């Protein structure tokens, strides 16, 4: 009897320690789940941007980048599907896979057309552009649901930076469409997107909020640098001019995306 009384506190203590130790695992899984779903959206838009460049220049480096980005998006989706975070249903994951499958098929066909024939099928390019937006919308809905249902706390600064990243990637794909592709109008009107100048002003607000949220220190310096780089190309997005050097716009946009990604990593590890 006495031995039973002695063992009970020990058993309870061990159970409490076991439960407590499981929380960081679930938190890590939830954070990784959201990270992969976010990166999935960005990678798809960046693949689309590189497609437009490839369709106009037949640059093998752009084609290789498309393959790399589509591969990354595939790995992101696989990680989301296999996640132990358990925040989405099998049906929701299947829906996302289906939308991505359609986008992937269109991308493969459009790349093949340029490679084999030398020019794109504008109808298929328009379908791919619309599918990219539809895919992003589905991913955004699932991301928001996962974020709100997950027990993983997400810092507001991280959400602001991620929103800015997705918007920057989408804007870059639209800018590339205007600069490289005759199918511009098809993409500009895809799925009721706001005009590019309105999106640019939305990015103004997001980056301003991000700077204000970072306080002092290295992260503040990074945020200010991001906003400075954006200021350099902002007018090109708002007042499109074919005489603008698209390579410069692309380079600064990619740099902004890289620095936002680094900032998010710093915030998550803080």
C-alpha atoms as a PDB file:
ATOM      1  CA  UNK A   1       0.000   0.000   0.000  1.00  0.00           C
ATOM      2  CA  UNK A   2       2.744   2.402   0.951  1.00  0.00           C
ATOM      3  CA  UNK A   3       4.651   1.485  -2.201  1.00  0.00           C
ATOM      4  CA  UNK A   4       1.577   2.360  -4.267  1.00  0.00           C
ATOM      5  CA  UNK A   5       1.367   5.803  -2.665  1.00  0.00           C
ATOM      6  CA  UNK A   6       5.039   6.339  -3.320  1.00  0.00           C
ATOM      7  CA  UNK A   7       4.838   5.304  -6.961  1.00  0.00           C
ATOM      8  CA  UNK A   8       1.785   7.429  -7.848  1.00  0.00           C
ATOM      9  CA  UNK A   9       3.493  10.858  -7.581  1.00  0.00           C
ATOM     10  CA  UNK A  10       6.393   9.499  -9.619  1.00  0.00           C
ATOM     11  CA  UNK A  11       4.079   8.263 -12.352  1.00  0.00           C
ATOM     12  CA  UNK A  12       2.185  11.566 -12.444  1.00  0.00           C
ATOM     13  CA  UNK A  13       5.417  13.530 -12.613  1.00  0.00           C
ATOM     14  CA  UNK A  14       6.662  11.397 -15.485  1.00  0.00           C
ATOM     15  CA  UNK A  15       3.360  11.893 -17.329  1.00  0.00           C
ATOM     16  CA  UNK A  16       3.530  15.669 -16.904  1.00  0.00           C
ATOM     17  CA  UNK A  17       7.100  15.722 -18.215  1.00  0.00           C
ATOM     18  CA  UNK A  18       6.100  13.585 -21.202  1.00  0.00           C
ATOM     19  CA  UNK A  19       3.201  15.854 -22.114  1.00  0.00           C
ATOM     20  CA  UNK A  20       5.298  18.967 -21.665  1.00  0.00           C
ATOM     21  CA  UNK A  21       8.058  17.605 -23.846  1.00  0.00           C
ATOM     22  CA  UNK A  22       5.550  16.901 -26.642  1.00  0.00           C
ATOM     23  CA  UNK A  23       4.479  20.564 -26.991  1.00  0.00           C
ATOM     24  CA  UNK A  24       7.676  21.808 -28.683  1.00  0.00           C
ATOM     25  CA  UNK A  25       7.412  18.955 -31.190  1.00  0.00           C
ATOM     26  CA  UNK A  26       3.860  19.954 -32.132  1.00  0.00           C
ATOM     27  CA  UNK A  27       4.865  23.620 -32.211  1.00  0.00           C
ATOM     28  CA  UNK A  28       7.763  22.835 -34.529  1.00  0.00           C
ATOM     29  CA  UNK A  29       5.487  20.793 -36.785  1.00  0.00           C
ATOM     30  CA  UNK A  30       2.940  23.596 -36.935  1.00  0.00           C
ATOM     31  CA  UNK A  31       5.582  26.208 -37.726  1.00  0.00           C
ATOM     32  CA  UNK A  32       7.105  23.995 -40.439  1.00  0.00           C
ATOM     33  CA  UNK A  33       3.664  23.352 -41.911  1.00  0.00           C
ATOM     34  CA  UNK A  34       2.912  27.069 -42.259  1.00  0.00           C
ATOM     35  CA  UNK A  35       6.408  27.775 -43.580  1.00  0.00           C
ATOM     36  CA  UNK A  36       6.079  25.173 -46.325  1.00  0.00           C
ATOM     37  CA  UNK A  37       2.626  26.369 -47.330  1.00  0.00           C
ATOM     38  CA  UNK A  38       3.918  29.941 -47.546  1.00  0.00           C
ATOM     39  CA  UNK A  39       7.009  28.981 -49.556  1.00  0.00           C
ATOM     40  CA  UNK A  40       4.797  26.926 -51.860  1.00  0.00           C
ATOM     41  CA  UNK A  41       2.929  30.070 -52.955  1.00  0.00           C
ATOM     42  CA  UNK A  42       6.075  32.125 -53.471  1.00  0.00           C
ATOM     43  CA  UNK A  43       7.843  29.389 -55.452  1.00  0.00           C
ATOM     44  CA  UNK A  44       4.915  29.016 -57.851  1.00  0.00           C
ATOM     45  CA  UNK A  45       4.809  32.736 -58.650  1.00  0.00           C
ATOM     46  CA  UNK A  46       8.575  32.858 -59.076  1.00  0.00           C
ATOM     47  CA  UNK A  47       8.420  29.911 -61.482  1.00  0.00           C
ATOM     48  CA  UNK A  48       5.814  31.830 -63.473  1.00  0.00           C
ATOM     49  CA  UNK A  49       8.033  34.929 -63.574  1.00  0.00           C
ATOM     50  CA  UNK A  50      10.915  32.895 -64.915  1.00  0.00           C
ATOM     51  CA  UNK A  51       8.640  31.290 -67.500  1.00  0.00           C
ATOM     52  CA  UNK A  52       7.822  34.680 -68.996  1.00  0.00           C
ATOM     53  CA  UNK A  53      11.515  35.451 -69.280  1.00  0.00           C
ATOM     54  CA  UNK A  54      12.182  32.054 -70.834  1.00  0.00           C
ATOM     55  CA  UNK A  55       9.332  32.439 -73.328  1.00  0.00           C
ATOM     56  CA  UNK A  56      10.849  35.657 -74.656  1.00  0.00           C
ATOM     57  CA  UNK A  57      14.570  34.926 -74.419  1.00  0.00           C
ATOM     58  CA  UNK A  58      14.896  31.108 -74.636  1.00  0.00           C
ATOM     59  CA  UNK A  59      17.460  31.520 -71.859  1.00  0.00           C
ATOM     60  CA  UNK A  60      18.464  28.086 -70.559  1.00  0.00           C
ATOM     61  CA  UNK A  61      19.231  29.559 -67.128  1.00  0.00           C
ATOM     62  CA  UNK A  62      15.596  30.676 -66.826  1.00  0.00           C
ATOM     63  CA  UNK A  63      14.428  27.194 -67.854  1.00  0.00           C
ATOM     64  CA  UNK A  64      16.681  25.598 -65.232  1.00  0.00           C
ATOM     65  CA  UNK A  65      15.355  27.996 -62.599  1.00  0.00           C
ATOM     66  CA  UNK A  66      11.777  27.043 -63.501  1.00  0.00           C
ATOM     67  CA  UNK A  67      12.594  23.383 -62.929  1.00  0.00           C
ATOM     68  CA  UNK A  68      14.283  24.166 -59.631  1.00  0.00           C
ATOM     69  CA  UNK A  69      11.377  26.274 -58.369  1.00  0.00           C
ATOM     70  CA  UNK A  70       8.737  23.749 -59.445  1.00  0.00           C
ATOM     71  CA  UNK A  71      10.788  21.080 -57.692  1.00  0.00           C
ATOM     72  CA  UNK A  72      10.868  23.194 -54.539  1.00  0.00           C
ATOM     73  CA  UNK A  73       7.110  23.747 -54.726  1.00  0.00           C
ATOM     74  CA  UNK A  74       6.594  19.995 -55.117  1.00  0.00           C
ATOM     75  CA  UNK A  75       8.721  19.352 -52.014  1.00  0.00           C
ATOM     76  CA  UNK A  76       6.801  22.048 -50.117  1.00  0.00           C
ATOM     77  CA  UNK A  77       3.515  20.371 -51.008  1.00  0.00           C
ATOM     78  CA  UNK A  78       4.830  16.944 -50.051  1.00  0.00           C
ATOM     79  CA  UNK A  79       5.953  18.288 -46.667  1.00  0.00           C
ATOM     80  CA  UNK A  80       2.521  19.835 -46.128  1.00  0.00           C
ATOM     81  CA  UNK A  81       0.852  16.534 -47.031  1.00  0.00           C
ATOM     82  CA  UNK A  82       3.056  14.520 -44.655  1.00  0.00           C
ATOM     83  CA  UNK A  83       2.965  17.012 -41.787  1.00  0.00           C
ATOM     84  CA  UNK A  84       1.961  15.834 -38.353  1.00  0.00           C
ATOM     85  CA  UNK A  85       0.387  19.211 -37.586  1.00  0.00           C
ATOM     86  CA  UNK A  86      -3.053  17.756 -38.474  1.00  0.00           C
ATOM     87  CA  UNK A  87      -4.698  21.086 -39.239  1.00  0.00           C
ATOM     88  CA  UNK A  88      -6.138  20.331 -42.692  1.00  0.00           C
ATOM     89  CA  UNK A  89      -8.351  17.502 -43.866  1.00  0.00           C
ATOM     90  CA  UNK A  90      -7.348  14.950 -46.484  1.00  0.00           C
ATOM     91  CA  UNK A  91      -9.907  16.530 -48.819  1.00  0.00           C
ATOM     92  CA  UNK A  92      -8.293  19.957 -48.453  1.00  0.00           C
ATOM     93  CA  UNK A  93      -4.838  18.564 -49.151  1.00  0.00           C
ATOM     94  CA  UNK A  94      -6.234  16.682 -52.163  1.00  0.00           C
ATOM     95  CA  UNK A  95      -7.754  19.916 -53.479  1.00  0.00           C
ATOM     96  CA  UNK A  96      -4.422  21.708 -53.199  1.00  0.00           C
ATOM     97  CA  UNK A  97      -2.654  18.816 -54.918  1.00  0.00           C
ATOM     98  CA  UNK A  98      -5.191  18.890 -57.748  1.00  0.00           C
ATOM     99  CA  UNK A  99      -4.779  22.629 -58.335  1.00  0.00           C
ATOM    100  CA  UNK A 100      -1.001  22.287 -58.294  1.00  0.00           C
ATOM    101  CA  UNK A 101      -1.173  19.315 -60.646  1.00  0.00           C
ATOM    102  CA  UNK A 102      -3.049  21.424 -63.194  1.00  0.00           C
ATOM    103  CA  UNK A 103      -0.558  24.261 -62.830  1.00  0.00           C
ATOM    104  CA  UNK A 104       2.398  21.864 -63.155  1.00  0.00           C
ATOM    105  CA  UNK A 105       0.979  20.299 -66.325  1.00  0.00           C
ATOM    106  CA  UNK A 106       0.423  23.704 -67.903  1.00  0.00           C
ATOM    107  CA  UNK A 107       3.922  24.819 -66.926  1.00  0.00           C
ATOM    108  CA  UNK A 108       5.483  21.678 -68.412  1.00  0.00           C
ATOM    109  CA  UNK A 109       3.535  22.074 -71.653  1.00  0.00           C
ATOM    110  CA  UNK A 110       4.342  25.766 -72.001  1.00  0.00           C
ATOM    111  CA  UNK A 111       8.042  25.217 -71.337  1.00  0.00           C
ATOM    112  CA  UNK A 112       8.032  22.384 -73.864  1.00  0.00           C
ATOM    113  CA  UNK A 113       6.388  24.599 -76.495  1.00  0.00           C
ATOM    114  CA  UNK A 114       9.108  27.219 -76.176  1.00  0.00           C
ATOM    115  CA  UNK A 115      11.860  24.595 -76.126  1.00  0.00           C
ATOM    116  CA  UNK A 116      10.580  22.501 -79.030  1.00  0.00           C
ATOM    117  CA  UNK A 117       8.713  25.005 -81.209  1.00  0.00           C
ATOM    118  CA  UNK A 118      10.417  28.250 -80.253  1.00  0.00           C
ATOM    119  CA  UNK A 119       7.347  30.209 -79.179  1.00  0.00           C
ATOM    120  CA  UNK A 120       4.466  29.845 -76.686  1.00  0.00           C
ATOM    121  CA  UNK A 121       0.823  28.951 -77.248  1.00  0.00           C
ATOM    122  CA  UNK A 122      -0.791  32.145 -75.938  1.00  0.00           C
ATOM    123  CA  UNK A 123      -4.022  30.380 -75.005  1.00  0.00           C
ATOM    124  CA  UNK A 124      -2.160  27.922 -72.780  1.00  0.00           C
ATOM    125  CA  UNK A 125      -0.035  30.687 -71.282  1.00  0.00           C
ATOM    126  CA  UNK A 126      -3.213  32.545 -70.359  1.00  0.00           C
ATOM    127  CA  UNK A 127      -4.645  29.403 -68.773  1.00  0.00           C
ATOM    128  CA  UNK A 128      -1.442  28.928 -66.769  1.00  0.00           C
ATOM    129  CA  UNK A 129      -1.524  32.514 -65.518  1.00  0.00           C
ATOM    130  CA  UNK A 130      -5.114  32.146 -64.353  1.00  0.00           C
ATOM    131  CA  UNK A 131      -4.321  28.786 -62.762  1.00  0.00           C
ATOM    132  CA  UNK A 132      -1.408  30.329 -60.842  1.00  0.00           C
ATOM    133  CA  UNK A 133      -3.808  32.812 -59.265  1.00  0.00           C
ATOM    134  CA  UNK A 134      -6.423  30.141 -58.535  1.00  0.00           C
ATOM    135  CA  UNK A 135      -3.757  27.942 -56.934  1.00  0.00           C
ATOM    136  CA  UNK A 136      -2.492  30.801 -54.790  1.00  0.00           C
ATOM    137  CA  UNK A 137      -6.028  31.634 -53.649  1.00  0.00           C
ATOM    138  CA  UNK A 138      -6.647  28.050 -52.526  1.00  0.00           C
ATOM    139  CA  UNK A 139      -3.268  27.939 -50.761  1.00  0.00           C
ATOM    140  CA  UNK A 140      -4.010  31.250 -49.033  1.00  0.00           C
ATOM    141  CA  UNK A 141      -7.369  30.005 -47.754  1.00  0.00           C
ATOM    142  CA  UNK A 142      -5.755  26.867 -46.363  1.00  0.00           C
ATOM    143  CA  UNK A 143      -2.857  28.833 -44.895  1.00  0.00           C
ATOM    144  CA  UNK A 144      -5.266  31.163 -43.076  1.00  0.00           C
ATOM    145  CA  UNK A 145      -7.273  28.232 -41.746  1.00  0.00           C
ATOM    146  CA  UNK A 146      -4.146  26.392 -40.635  1.00  0.00           C
ATOM    147  CA  UNK A 147      -2.726  29.487 -38.977  1.00  0.00           C
ATOM    148  CA  UNK A 148      -5.949  30.200 -37.101  1.00  0.00           C
ATOM    149  CA  UNK A 149      -6.531  26.598 -36.017  1.00  0.00           C
ATOM    150  CA  UNK A 150      -2.921  25.785 -35.160  1.00  0.00           C
ATOM    151  CA  UNK A 151      -1.764  26.060 -31.594  1.00  0.00           C
ATOM    152  CA  UNK A 152       1.485  27.477 -32.884  1.00  0.00           C
ATOM    153  CA  UNK A 153       1.677  31.209 -32.176  1.00  0.00           C
ATOM    154  CA  UNK A 154       2.738  33.184 -35.247  1.00  0.00           C
ATOM    155  CA  UNK A 155       4.378  36.526 -34.655  1.00  0.00           C
ATOM    156  CA  UNK A 156       2.574  39.453 -36.325  1.00  0.00           C
ATOM    157  CA  UNK A 157       5.885  40.567 -37.873  1.00  0.00           C
ATOM    158  CA  UNK A 158       6.244  37.154 -39.513  1.00  0.00           C
ATOM    159  CA  UNK A 159       2.750  37.363 -40.979  1.00  0.00           C
ATOM    160  CA  UNK A 160       3.420  40.875 -42.295  1.00  0.00           C
ATOM    161  CA  UNK A 161       6.672  39.785 -43.929  1.00  0.00           C
ATOM    162  CA  UNK A 162       5.047  36.721 -45.463  1.00  0.00           C
ATOM    163  CA  UNK A 163       2.162  38.760 -46.842  1.00  0.00           C
ATOM    164  CA  UNK A 164       4.670  41.162 -48.369  1.00  0.00           C
ATOM    165  CA  UNK A 165       6.634  38.251 -49.872  1.00  0.00           C
ATOM    166  CA  UNK A 166       3.636  36.668 -51.589  1.00  0.00           C
ATOM    167  CA  UNK A 167       2.494  40.045 -52.902  1.00  0.00           C
ATOM    168  CA  UNK A 168       5.987  40.902 -54.175  1.00  0.00           C
ATOM    169  CA  UNK A 169       6.262  37.520 -55.933  1.00  0.00           C
ATOM    170  CA  UNK A 170       2.865  37.903 -57.569  1.00  0.00           C
ATOM    171  CA  UNK A 171       3.638  41.469 -58.637  1.00  0.00           C
ATOM    172  CA  UNK A 172       6.938  40.351 -60.154  1.00  0.00           C
ATOM    173  CA  UNK A 173       5.170  37.669 -62.188  1.00  0.00           C
ATOM    174  CA  UNK A 174       2.733  40.281 -63.482  1.00  0.00           C
ATOM    175  CA  UNK A 175       5.552  42.687 -64.280  1.00  0.00           C
ATOM    176  CA  UNK A 176       7.358  39.937 -66.165  1.00  0.00           C
ATOM    177  CA  UNK A 177       4.172  39.199 -68.104  1.00  0.00           C
ATOM    178  CA  UNK A 178       3.969  42.811 -69.174  1.00  0.00           C
ATOM    179  CA  UNK A 179       7.620  42.982 -70.111  1.00  0.00           C
ATOM    180  CA  UNK A 180       8.109  39.661 -71.878  1.00  0.00           C
ATOM    181  CA  UNK A 181       4.770  38.297 -73.031  1.00  0.00           C
ATOM    182  CA  UNK A 182       2.122  39.410 -75.545  1.00  0.00           C
ATOM    183  CA  UNK A 183      -0.465  37.676 -73.356  1.00  0.00           C
ATOM    184  CA  UNK A 184      -0.286  40.596 -70.913  1.00  0.00           C
ATOM    185  CA  UNK A 185      -3.970  41.447 -70.840  1.00  0.00           C
ATOM    186  CA  UNK A 186      -4.972  37.864 -70.109  1.00  0.00           C
ATOM    187  CA  UNK A 187      -2.813  37.803 -67.016  1.00  0.00           C
ATOM    188  CA  UNK A 188      -3.588  41.337 -65.894  1.00  0.00           C
ATOM    189  CA  UNK A 189      -7.252  40.424 -65.645  1.00  0.00           C
ATOM    190  CA  UNK A 190      -6.747  36.995 -64.112  1.00  0.00           C
ATOM    191  CA  UNK A 191      -9.270  36.119 -61.410  1.00  0.00           C
ATOM    192  CA  UNK A 192     -10.175  39.731 -60.661  1.00  0.00           C
ATOM    193  CA  UNK A 193      -6.721  40.812 -59.508  1.00  0.00           C
ATOM    194  CA  UNK A 194      -6.337  44.393 -58.357  1.00  0.00           C
ATOM    195  CA  UNK A 195      -4.394  46.609 -60.791  1.00  0.00           C
ATOM    196  CA  UNK A 196      -0.642  46.457 -60.385  1.00  0.00           C
ATOM    197  CA  UNK A 197      -0.430  50.030 -59.103  1.00  0.00           C
ATOM    198  CA  UNK A 198      -2.938  49.223 -56.337  1.00  0.00           C
ATOM    199  CA  UNK A 199      -0.929  46.177 -55.357  1.00  0.00           C
ATOM    200  CA  UNK A 200       2.189  48.342 -55.218  1.00  0.00           C
ATOM    201  CA  UNK A 201       0.500  50.698 -52.778  1.00  0.00           C
ATOM    202  CA  UNK A 202      -0.609  47.734 -50.698  1.00  0.00           C
ATOM    203  CA  UNK A 203       3.025  46.626 -50.568  1.00  0.00           C
ATOM    204  CA  UNK A 204       3.935  50.155 -49.424  1.00  0.00           C
ATOM    205  CA  UNK A 205       1.712  49.650 -46.395  1.00  0.00           C
ATOM    206  CA  UNK A 206       2.963  46.150 -45.612  1.00  0.00           C
ATOM    207  CA  UNK A 207       6.630  47.152 -45.745  1.00  0.00           C
ATOM    208  CA  UNK A 208       5.926  50.272 -43.693  1.00  0.00           C
ATOM    209  CA  UNK A 209       4.203  48.133 -41.054  1.00  0.00           C
ATOM    210  CA  UNK A 210       7.091  45.688 -41.111  1.00  0.00           C
ATOM    211  CA  UNK A 211       9.660  48.425 -40.498  1.00  0.00           C
ATOM    212  CA  UNK A 212       7.608  49.789 -37.598  1.00  0.00           C
ATOM    213  CA  UNK A 213       7.260  46.333 -36.018  1.00  0.00           C
ATOM    214  CA  UNK A 214      10.941  45.423 -35.951  1.00  0.00           C
ATOM    215  CA  UNK A 215      12.099  47.728 -33.167  1.00  0.00           C
ATOM    216  CA  UNK A 216      15.850  48.309 -33.070  1.00  0.00           C
ATOM    217  CA  UNK A 217      18.907  46.269 -33.960  1.00  0.00           C
ATOM    218  CA  UNK A 218      19.957  44.231 -36.984  1.00  0.00           C
ATOM    219  CA  UNK A 219      16.418  43.295 -37.978  1.00  0.00           C
ATOM    220  CA  UNK A 220      15.404  46.944 -38.106  1.00  0.00           C
ATOM    221  CA  UNK A 221      18.358  47.614 -40.401  1.00  0.00           C
ATOM    222  CA  UNK A 222      17.270  44.778 -42.701  1.00  0.00           C
ATOM    223  CA  UNK A 223      13.692  46.046 -42.772  1.00  0.00           C
ATOM    224  CA  UNK A 224      14.831  49.566 -43.656  1.00  0.00           C
ATOM    225  CA  UNK A 225      17.068  48.192 -46.408  1.00  0.00           C
ATOM    226  CA  UNK A 226      14.133  46.233 -47.846  1.00  0.00           C
ATOM    227  CA  UNK A 227      11.984  49.362 -47.884  1.00  0.00           C
ATOM    228  CA  UNK A 228      14.806  51.347 -49.493  1.00  0.00           C
ATOM    229  CA  UNK A 229      15.172  48.781 -52.285  1.00  0.00           C
ATOM    230  CA  UNK A 230      11.433  48.819 -52.807  1.00  0.00           C
ATOM    231  CA  UNK A 231      11.533  52.600 -53.078  1.00  0.00           C
ATOM    232  CA  UNK A 232      14.005  52.269 -55.934  1.00  0.00           C
ATOM    233  CA  UNK A 233      11.644  50.169 -58.097  1.00  0.00           C
ATOM    234  CA  UNK A 234       8.252  51.264 -56.743  1.00  0.00           C
ATOM    235  CA  UNK A 235       7.487  53.774 -59.505  1.00  0.00           C
ATOM    236  CA  UNK A 236       8.257  51.176 -62.158  1.00  0.00           C
ATOM    237  CA  UNK A 237       5.452  49.024 -60.783  1.00  0.00           C
ATOM    238  CA  UNK A 238       3.031  51.937 -60.417  1.00  0.00           C
ATOM    239  CA  UNK A 239       3.784  53.640 -63.747  1.00  0.00           C
ATOM    240  CA  UNK A 240       4.769  50.850 -66.093  1.00  0.00           C
ATOM    241  CA  UNK A 241       7.049  51.924 -68.909  1.00  0.00           C
ATOM    242  CA  UNK A 242       8.451  49.546 -71.515  1.00  0.00           C
ATOM    243  CA  UNK A 243      11.684  51.526 -71.436  1.00  0.00           C
ATOM    244  CA  UNK A 244      12.323  50.386 -67.869  1.00  0.00           C
ATOM    245  CA  UNK A 245      15.077  47.783 -67.629  1.00  0.00           C
ATOM    246  CA  UNK A 246      13.192  44.650 -66.629  1.00  0.00           C
ATOM    247  CA  UNK A 247      16.388  42.919 -65.475  1.00  0.00           C
ATOM    248  CA  UNK A 248      16.923  45.603 -62.846  1.00  0.00           C
ATOM    249  CA  UNK A 249      13.328  45.338 -61.616  1.00  0.00           C
ATOM    250  CA  UNK A 250      13.667  41.556 -61.376  1.00  0.00           C
ATOM    251  CA  UNK A 251      16.989  41.740 -59.543  1.00  0.00           C
ATOM    252  CA  UNK A 252      15.729  44.180 -56.912  1.00  0.00           C
ATOM    253  CA  UNK A 253      12.465  42.269 -56.486  1.00  0.00           C
ATOM    254  CA  UNK A 254      14.328  38.991 -55.928  1.00  0.00           C
ATOM    255  CA  UNK A 255      16.645  40.704 -53.463  1.00  0.00           C
ATOM    256  CA  UNK A 256      13.645  41.986 -51.516  1.00  0.00           C
ATOM    257  CA  UNK A 257      12.207  38.463 -51.407  1.00  0.00           C
ATOM    258  CA  UNK A 258      15.511  37.013 -50.198  1.00  0.00           C
ATOM    259  CA  UNK A 259      15.820  39.596 -47.426  1.00  0.00           C
ATOM    260  CA  UNK A 260      12.212  39.118 -46.323  1.00  0.00           C
ATOM    261  CA  UNK A 261      12.865  35.387 -46.121  1.00  0.00           C
ATOM    262  CA  UNK A 262      15.994  35.977 -44.023  1.00  0.00           C
ATOM    263  CA  UNK A 263      14.080  38.344 -41.759  1.00  0.00           C
ATOM    264  CA  UNK A 264      11.360  35.751 -41.182  1.00  0.00           C
ATOM    265  CA  UNK A 265      13.991  33.128 -40.311  1.00  0.00           C
ATOM    266  CA  UNK A 266      15.536  35.515 -37.774  1.00  0.00           C
ATOM    267  CA  UNK A 267      12.158  36.217 -36.233  1.00  0.00           C
ATOM    268  CA  UNK A 268      11.259  32.536 -35.993  1.00  0.00           C
ATOM    269  CA  UNK A 269      14.568  31.683 -34.345  1.00  0.00           C
ATOM    270  CA  UNK A 270      14.520  34.602 -31.922  1.00  0.00           C
END
